[in-house]
N, C-alpha and C. Protein backbone atom coordinates (compact mmCIF):
# COMPACT_ATOMS: atom_id res chain seq x y z
N MET A 1 177.02 91.18 113.19
CA MET A 1 177.55 91.96 114.14
C MET A 1 178.97 92.73 113.52
N LYS A 2 179.61 91.75 112.86
CA LYS A 2 180.86 92.40 112.30
C LYS A 2 180.58 93.44 111.14
N LYS A 3 179.71 93.16 110.38
CA LYS A 3 179.26 93.86 109.23
C LYS A 3 178.73 95.42 109.83
N TRP A 4 177.83 95.17 110.86
CA TRP A 4 177.42 96.40 111.41
C TRP A 4 178.48 97.41 111.95
N LEU A 5 179.27 96.72 112.74
CA LEU A 5 180.63 97.47 113.29
C LEU A 5 181.39 97.96 112.17
N GLY A 6 181.55 97.42 111.19
CA GLY A 6 182.25 97.81 110.05
C GLY A 6 181.69 99.00 109.33
N ARG A 7 180.31 99.02 109.26
CA ARG A 7 179.62 100.12 108.81
C ARG A 7 179.68 101.57 109.66
N ILE A 8 179.69 101.20 110.93
CA ILE A 8 179.93 102.22 111.96
C ILE A 8 181.11 102.90 111.96
N VAL A 9 182.22 102.14 111.80
CA VAL A 9 183.47 102.59 111.80
C VAL A 9 183.78 103.29 110.69
N SER A 10 183.39 102.96 109.38
CA SER A 10 183.50 103.50 108.11
C SER A 10 182.71 104.78 107.86
N ASP A 11 181.75 105.21 108.69
CA ASP A 11 180.88 106.15 108.51
C ASP A 11 181.63 107.59 108.96
N GLU A 12 181.53 108.44 107.89
CA GLU A 12 182.31 109.63 108.12
C GLU A 12 181.37 110.97 108.48
N ARG A 13 180.10 110.73 108.59
CA ARG A 13 179.25 111.90 108.68
C ARG A 13 179.27 112.49 109.79
N GLY A 14 179.68 111.80 111.05
CA GLY A 14 179.97 112.50 112.35
C GLY A 14 181.20 113.24 112.23
N ALA A 15 182.27 112.62 111.59
CA ALA A 15 183.58 113.45 111.40
C ALA A 15 183.30 114.71 110.83
N THR A 16 182.42 114.79 109.79
CA THR A 16 182.30 115.94 108.88
C THR A 16 181.51 117.00 109.82
N ALA A 17 180.62 116.55 110.54
CA ALA A 17 180.00 117.42 111.46
C ALA A 17 180.95 118.10 112.42
N VAL A 18 181.80 117.14 112.94
CA VAL A 18 182.71 117.68 113.96
C VAL A 18 183.64 118.67 113.20
N GLU A 19 184.14 118.46 112.02
CA GLU A 19 185.09 119.40 111.31
C GLU A 19 184.35 120.78 111.13
N TYR A 20 182.99 120.74 110.81
CA TYR A 20 182.26 121.86 110.59
C TYR A 20 182.07 122.76 111.86
N GLY A 21 181.91 121.91 112.96
CA GLY A 21 181.86 122.72 114.22
C GLY A 21 183.02 123.15 114.66
N LEU A 22 184.13 122.62 114.41
CA LEU A 22 185.52 123.27 114.60
C LEU A 22 185.67 124.52 113.82
N ILE A 23 185.52 124.56 112.65
CA ILE A 23 185.50 125.59 111.73
C ILE A 23 184.55 126.81 112.16
N ILE A 24 183.33 126.48 112.53
CA ILE A 24 182.42 127.54 113.02
C ILE A 24 183.07 128.25 114.19
N SER A 25 183.53 127.48 115.30
CA SER A 25 184.02 127.78 116.55
C SER A 25 185.23 128.66 116.33
N LEU A 26 186.18 128.54 115.37
CA LEU A 26 187.21 129.20 114.90
C LEU A 26 186.75 130.65 114.43
N VAL A 27 185.68 130.63 113.59
CA VAL A 27 185.20 131.90 113.04
C VAL A 27 184.43 132.62 114.12
N VAL A 28 183.88 132.17 115.12
CA VAL A 28 183.41 132.80 116.05
C VAL A 28 184.41 133.34 116.99
N LEU A 29 185.68 132.78 117.18
CA LEU A 29 186.68 133.13 118.11
C LEU A 29 187.22 134.55 117.36
N ALA A 30 187.42 134.33 115.98
CA ALA A 30 187.91 135.35 115.23
C ALA A 30 187.13 136.62 115.25
N MET A 31 185.70 136.46 115.31
CA MET A 31 184.80 137.47 115.37
C MET A 31 184.88 138.23 116.72
N LEU A 32 184.93 137.48 117.78
CA LEU A 32 185.05 138.00 119.13
C LEU A 32 186.31 138.85 119.35
N ALA A 33 187.24 138.26 118.75
CA ALA A 33 188.76 138.99 118.78
C ALA A 33 188.67 140.39 118.17
N ALA A 34 188.11 140.22 116.93
CA ALA A 34 187.81 141.65 116.25
C ALA A 34 186.90 142.58 116.83
N LEU A 35 185.79 142.12 117.40
CA LEU A 35 184.79 142.77 117.89
C LEU A 35 185.32 143.50 119.30
N THR A 36 186.14 142.63 120.04
CA THR A 36 186.82 143.21 121.30
C THR A 36 187.74 144.37 120.83
N ASN A 37 188.44 144.24 119.73
CA ASN A 37 189.50 145.23 119.37
C ASN A 37 188.72 146.55 118.90
N VAL A 38 187.60 146.36 118.02
CA VAL A 38 186.72 147.44 117.72
C VAL A 38 186.08 148.24 118.99
N ALA A 39 185.76 147.45 119.93
CA ALA A 39 185.14 148.00 121.03
C ALA A 39 186.11 148.72 121.95
N ASN A 40 187.32 148.24 122.19
CA ASN A 40 188.40 149.07 122.72
C ASN A 40 188.76 150.25 122.02
N SER A 41 188.71 150.21 120.71
CA SER A 41 189.10 151.54 119.94
C SER A 41 187.87 152.46 120.09
N THR A 42 186.55 151.99 120.01
CA THR A 42 185.42 152.87 120.20
C THR A 42 185.55 153.56 121.51
N THR A 43 185.81 152.70 122.68
CA THR A 43 185.94 153.20 123.97
C THR A 43 186.77 154.34 124.02
N GLY A 44 188.02 154.16 123.46
CA GLY A 44 189.10 155.11 123.42
C GLY A 44 188.56 156.39 122.95
N MET A 45 187.96 156.32 121.68
CA MET A 45 187.49 157.40 120.88
C MET A 45 186.44 158.10 121.75
N TRP A 46 185.55 157.54 122.44
CA TRP A 46 184.57 158.35 123.07
C TRP A 46 184.96 158.77 124.52
N ASN A 47 186.03 158.18 124.96
CA ASN A 47 186.89 158.84 126.14
C ASN A 47 187.47 160.14 125.62
N ASN A 48 188.02 160.11 124.55
CA ASN A 48 188.63 161.32 124.06
C ASN A 48 187.78 162.50 123.84
N VAL A 49 186.66 162.07 123.17
CA VAL A 49 185.48 163.00 122.85
C VAL A 49 185.05 163.73 124.28
N SER A 50 184.76 162.82 125.23
CA SER A 50 184.45 163.33 126.57
C SER A 50 185.46 164.37 127.15
N ASP A 51 186.78 163.94 127.03
CA ASP A 51 187.76 164.84 127.61
C ASP A 51 187.88 166.16 127.09
N ASN A 52 187.73 166.14 125.62
CA ASN A 52 187.60 167.41 124.87
C ASN A 52 186.38 168.23 125.27
N VAL A 53 185.38 167.65 125.33
CA VAL A 53 184.08 168.39 125.77
C VAL A 53 184.34 169.08 127.12
N SER A 54 185.02 168.11 128.18
CA SER A 54 185.05 168.68 129.53
C SER A 54 186.04 169.88 129.59
N GLU A 55 187.12 169.76 128.57
CA GLU A 55 187.95 170.78 128.59
C GLU A 55 187.37 172.17 128.19
N SER A 56 186.53 171.96 127.11
CA SER A 56 185.88 173.20 126.51
C SER A 56 184.94 173.90 127.42
N SER A 57 184.26 173.28 128.37
CA SER A 57 183.25 173.83 129.20
C SER A 57 183.92 174.67 130.27
């Protein structure tokens, strides 16, 4: 039993999976922040186009 418990405690495969999960979650959060910024800029651009078209009519 002691040997089995020692193997479980020293096994680092689960820790590696958790680390990869954290890295992926940080990448996804960065992508969402960038996408939000691009979406806000694009919305502002199209609102400007709409205003200019409305003024020309």
